[in-house]
Amino acid sequence: MQKNLLSAAFSLSLIFAPAAVTTAFAAPTAVRVTASDSSGDLSYPMLYTESSWMSLEVPVAVLGGVIPGDLSLDAGALAAGTTITLDSVSQQGDMALLRVTVSRADTGVSIDQLASINVISGGQTLATLSIPVIGAAIGD
């Protein structure tokens, strides 16, 4: 009887152990964000290419309650050589405004893609932002 109880307890510990490990090392928070103008007054549902006046609004709470000094972005590989570069970070109320420049290597190619942007500090991804990036092809 005792052997069966120990066996059952061991089996349950194996079942619940992955849940504890998953909780302890939870994945970065996924945040749906909006873009705004440089003043933070106007909101846009997407980032526009060839812009250096847009900001991503992210709750400071998602970043750990404070804005880290070494914040960086990784937008992965976007189509048409599109890049999203972090220019500066400021705080407005409970939101962090991540001012970005969005550019393309070839403006003759359009882009309409959902960007998955990792917000990184200390080598750790704090949040993953999802926002569309669009830009029309510009002809000669």
Protein backbone atom coordinates (compact mmCIF):
# COMPACT_ATOMS: atom_id res chain seq x y z
CA MET A 1 0.00 0.00 0.00
CA GLN A 2 2.78 2.45 0.94
CA LYS A 3 4.62 1.58 -2.25
CA ASN A 4 1.50 2.42 -4.29
CA LEU A 5 1.09 5.77 -2.48
CA LEU A 6 4.73 6.68 -3.11
CA SER A 7 4.40 5.65 -6.73
CA ALA A 8 1.26 7.78 -7.13
CA ALA A 9 2.90 10.77 -5.40
CA PHE A 10 5.96 10.46 -7.65
CA SER A 11 3.76 10.28 -10.75
CA LEU A 12 1.86 13.41 -9.70
CA SER A 13 5.10 15.26 -9.05
CA LEU A 14 6.20 14.49 -12.63
CA ILE A 15 2.89 15.74 -13.96
CA PHE A 16 2.98 19.01 -12.03
CA ALA A 17 6.74 19.65 -12.28
CA PRO A 18 6.62 20.90 -15.90
CA ALA A 19 3.89 23.39 -14.92
CA ALA A 20 6.11 24.78 -12.18
CA VAL A 21 9.08 25.01 -14.54
CA THR A 22 6.92 26.69 -17.19
CA THR A 23 5.72 29.25 -14.65
CA ALA A 24 9.22 29.94 -13.37
CA PHE A 25 10.57 30.50 -16.88
CA ALA A 26 7.52 32.00 -18.55
CA ALA A 27 7.76 33.22 -22.11
CA PRO A 28 7.99 36.95 -22.78
CA THR A 29 4.71 38.82 -22.73
CA ALA A 30 3.06 39.37 -26.10
CA VAL A 31 1.68 42.88 -26.34
CA ARG A 32 -0.50 44.36 -29.06
CA VAL A 33 0.67 47.94 -29.53
CA THR A 34 -0.28 50.99 -31.51
CA ALA A 35 1.98 53.45 -33.23
CA SER A 36 1.72 57.14 -32.46
CA ASP A 37 3.08 60.42 -33.75
CA SER A 38 6.03 62.08 -32.04
CA SER A 39 3.79 63.87 -29.53
CA GLY A 40 1.88 60.69 -28.64
CA ASP A 41 -1.41 62.45 -29.47
CA LEU A 42 -2.39 60.60 -32.65
CA SER A 43 -2.59 56.81 -32.83
CA TYR A 44 -2.09 54.64 -35.87
CA PRO A 45 -2.84 50.91 -36.25
CA MET A 46 0.43 50.30 -38.12
CA LEU A 47 3.97 51.49 -38.77
CA TYR A 48 4.64 53.27 -42.05
CA THR A 49 7.90 52.83 -43.93
CA GLU A 50 10.12 55.84 -44.59
CA SER A 51 9.07 57.32 -41.26
CA SER A 52 11.18 58.55 -38.38
CA TRP A 53 8.39 60.22 -36.43
CA MET A 54 6.52 57.17 -35.11
CA SER A 55 6.59 55.63 -31.65
CA LEU A 56 5.50 52.27 -30.32
CA GLU A 57 3.53 52.55 -27.09
CA VAL A 58 4.28 49.79 -24.59
CA PRO A 59 3.04 49.58 -20.99
CA VAL A 60 5.95 50.21 -18.60
CA ALA A 61 4.60 47.37 -16.45
CA VAL A 62 5.44 44.93 -19.26
CA LEU A 63 9.05 46.14 -19.13
CA GLY A 64 9.29 45.33 -15.42
CA GLY A 65 7.89 48.58 -14.03
CA VAL A 66 10.84 50.72 -15.15
CA ILE A 67 12.37 51.51 -18.51
CA PRO A 68 15.73 49.72 -18.75
CA GLY A 69 18.67 51.82 -19.93
CA ASP A 70 19.84 49.18 -22.42
CA LEU A 71 16.54 48.63 -24.24
CA SER A 72 16.83 47.44 -27.84
CA LEU A 73 14.55 46.06 -30.55
CA ASP A 74 14.84 43.03 -32.81
CA ALA A 75 12.29 43.04 -35.63
CA GLY A 76 13.68 39.92 -37.26
CA ALA A 77 13.70 39.63 -41.04
CA LEU A 78 11.08 41.83 -42.67
CA ALA A 79 10.32 41.79 -46.39
CA ALA A 80 11.93 44.21 -48.85
CA GLY A 81 14.90 44.86 -46.57
CA THR A 82 12.65 46.73 -44.13
CA THR A 83 14.22 47.68 -40.82
CA ILE A 84 12.83 49.09 -37.59
CA THR A 85 15.44 51.00 -35.59
CA LEU A 86 15.01 52.23 -32.02
CA ASP A 87 15.94 55.93 -31.87
CA SER A 88 15.01 56.84 -28.29
CA VAL A 89 12.82 55.89 -25.35
CA SER A 90 10.76 58.12 -23.07
CA GLN A 91 7.96 57.66 -20.58
CA GLN A 92 4.53 59.22 -20.85
CA GLY A 93 2.35 58.27 -17.89
CA ASP A 94 2.33 54.49 -17.59
CA MET A 95 3.47 54.00 -21.18
CA ALA A 96 6.96 53.76 -22.68
CA LEU A 97 7.24 55.53 -26.02
CA LEU A 98 9.77 53.75 -28.20
CA ARG A 99 10.60 56.19 -31.01
CA VAL A 100 11.49 54.27 -34.15
CA THR A 101 12.64 54.79 -37.70
CA VAL A 102 11.14 52.46 -40.31
CA SER A 103 12.98 52.21 -43.61
CA ARG A 104 13.38 49.95 -46.65
CA ALA A 105 16.40 49.07 -48.74
CA ASP A 106 14.24 49.15 -51.90
CA THR A 107 11.32 51.58 -52.02
CA GLY A 108 10.31 50.09 -55.39
CA VAL A 109 8.99 47.04 -53.53
CA SER A 110 5.85 47.27 -51.39
CA ILE A 111 5.49 45.75 -47.94
CA ASP A 112 2.38 44.79 -46.00
CA GLN A 113 3.53 42.49 -43.23
CA LEU A 114 2.84 41.83 -39.57
CA ALA A 115 6.05 42.58 -37.69
CA SER A 116 6.93 40.63 -34.58
CA ILE A 117 9.27 42.88 -32.61
CA ASN A 118 11.19 41.64 -29.57
CA VAL A 119 11.89 44.27 -26.90
CA ILE A 120 15.21 43.25 -25.33
CA SER A 121 17.12 44.27 -22.21
CA GLY A 122 20.13 42.53 -20.69
CA GLY A 123 19.98 39.85 -23.38
CA GLN A 124 16.44 38.90 -22.32
CA THR A 125 13.27 39.44 -24.35
CA LEU A 126 10.87 41.41 -22.13
CA ALA A 127 7.99 41.62 -24.58
CA THR A 128 7.03 40.71 -28.10
CA LEU A 129 5.14 43.38 -30.01
CA SER A 130 2.98 42.66 -33.05
CA ILE A 131 2.10 45.47 -35.43
CA PRO A 132 1.57 45.72 -39.19
CA VAL A 133 4.24 47.48 -41.27
CA ILE A 134 3.15 48.93 -44.59
CA GLY A 135 4.75 50.83 -47.43
CA ALA A 136 3.68 51.30 -51.04
CA ALA A 137 6.04 50.73 -53.92
CA ILE A 138 7.40 54.04 -55.16
CA GLY A 139 7.98 54.16 -58.92
CA ASP A 140 10.31 56.32 -60.97
